[in-house]
C-alpha atoms as a PDB file:
ATOM      1  CA  UNK A   1       0.000   0.000   0.000  1.00  0.00           C
ATOM      2  CA  UNK A   2       1.503   3.362  -0.884  1.00  0.00           C
ATOM      3  CA  UNK A   3       1.765   6.276   1.529  1.00  0.00           C
ATOM      4  CA  UNK A   4      -1.327   8.160   0.316  1.00  0.00           C
ATOM      5  CA  UNK A   5      -3.490   5.058   0.562  1.00  0.00           C
ATOM      6  CA  UNK A   6      -2.204   4.407   4.083  1.00  0.00           C
ATOM      7  CA  UNK A   7      -2.835   8.022   5.055  1.00  0.00           C
ATOM      8  CA  UNK A   8      -6.393   7.838   3.709  1.00  0.00           C
ATOM      9  CA  UNK A   9      -7.032   4.560   5.560  1.00  0.00           C
ATOM     10  CA  UNK A  10      -5.675   6.001   8.834  1.00  0.00           C
ATOM     11  CA  UNK A  11      -7.909   9.067   8.503  1.00  0.00           C
ATOM     12  CA  UNK A  12     -10.942   6.971   7.608  1.00  0.00           C
ATOM     13  CA  UNK A  13     -10.383   4.488  10.450  1.00  0.00           C
ATOM     14  CA  UNK A  14      -9.260   7.041  13.060  1.00  0.00           C
ATOM     15  CA  UNK A  15      -5.935   5.379  13.745  1.00  0.00           C
ATOM     16  CA  UNK A  16      -2.193   5.890  13.560  1.00  0.00           C
ATOM     17  CA  UNK A  17      -0.165   5.230  10.435  1.00  0.00           C
ATOM     18  CA  UNK A  18       1.304   1.808   9.758  1.00  0.00           C
ATOM     19  CA  UNK A  19       4.785   2.530   8.438  1.00  0.00           C
ATOM     20  CA  UNK A  20       6.355   0.528   5.596  1.00  0.00           C
ATOM     21  CA  UNK A  21       8.823  -1.044   8.036  1.00  0.00           C
ATOM     22  CA  UNK A  22       5.902  -2.643   9.903  1.00  0.00           C
ATOM     23  CA  UNK A  23       6.008  -0.328  12.908  1.00  0.00           C
ATOM     24  CA  UNK A  24       3.085   1.836  14.012  1.00  0.00           C
ATOM     25  CA  UNK A  25       3.576   5.528  14.669  1.00  0.00           C
ATOM     26  CA  UNK A  26       1.249   5.448  17.702  1.00  0.00           C
ATOM     27  CA  UNK A  27       2.032   8.954  18.924  1.00  0.00           C
ATOM     28  CA  UNK A  28       1.439  10.864  15.703  1.00  0.00           C
ATOM     29  CA  UNK A  29      -2.023  10.492  14.189  1.00  0.00           C
ATOM     30  CA  UNK A  30      -3.240  12.268  11.053  1.00  0.00           C
ATOM     31  CA  UNK A  31      -6.440  14.276  11.505  1.00  0.00           C
ATOM     32  CA  UNK A  32      -8.412  16.761   9.445  1.00  0.00           C
ATOM     33  CA  UNK A  33      -9.454  19.961  11.198  1.00  0.00           C
ATOM     34  CA  UNK A  34     -11.632  22.844  10.133  1.00  0.00           C
ATOM     35  CA  UNK A  35      -8.931  25.429  10.716  1.00  0.00           C
ATOM     36  CA  UNK A  36      -5.635  23.651   9.980  1.00  0.00           C
ATOM     37  CA  UNK A  37      -6.593  21.105   7.362  1.00  0.00           C
ATOM     38  CA  UNK A  38      -4.395  18.017   7.583  1.00  0.00           C
ATOM     39  CA  UNK A  39      -2.351  17.968  10.763  1.00  0.00           C
ATOM     40  CA  UNK A  40      -0.760  15.445  13.110  1.00  0.00           C
ATOM     41  CA  UNK A  41      -1.755  14.989  16.756  1.00  0.00           C
ATOM     42  CA  UNK A  42      -0.562  12.926  19.695  1.00  0.00           C
ATOM     43  CA  UNK A  43      -3.588  11.009  21.058  1.00  0.00           C
ATOM     44  CA  UNK A  44      -2.005  11.126  24.550  1.00  0.00           C
ATOM     45  CA  UNK A  45      -2.382  14.937  24.605  1.00  0.00           C
ATOM     46  CA  UNK A  46      -4.957  15.660  27.373  1.00  0.00           C
ATOM     47  CA  UNK A  47      -6.052  18.853  25.586  1.00  0.00           C
ATOM     48  CA  UNK A  48      -7.586  16.733  22.830  1.00  0.00           C
ATOM     49  CA  UNK A  49      -9.791  14.702  25.178  1.00  0.00           C
ATOM     50  CA  UNK A  50     -10.318  16.782  28.322  1.00  0.00           C
ATOM     51  CA  UNK A  51     -13.006  14.409  29.630  1.00  0.00           C
ATOM     52  CA  UNK A  52     -10.837  11.312  29.153  1.00  0.00           C
END
């Protein structure tokens, strides 16, 4: 799967990227926002989910 297909799948499924070397980039998730467009977030950031 090429990089754009993997990026689209990660966005669609709400998950991290699966890198070509088989590792997951668990701390950098692609997301689409209304103000920034495509950006990368760390799902451990408490500002993203203030209620847990």
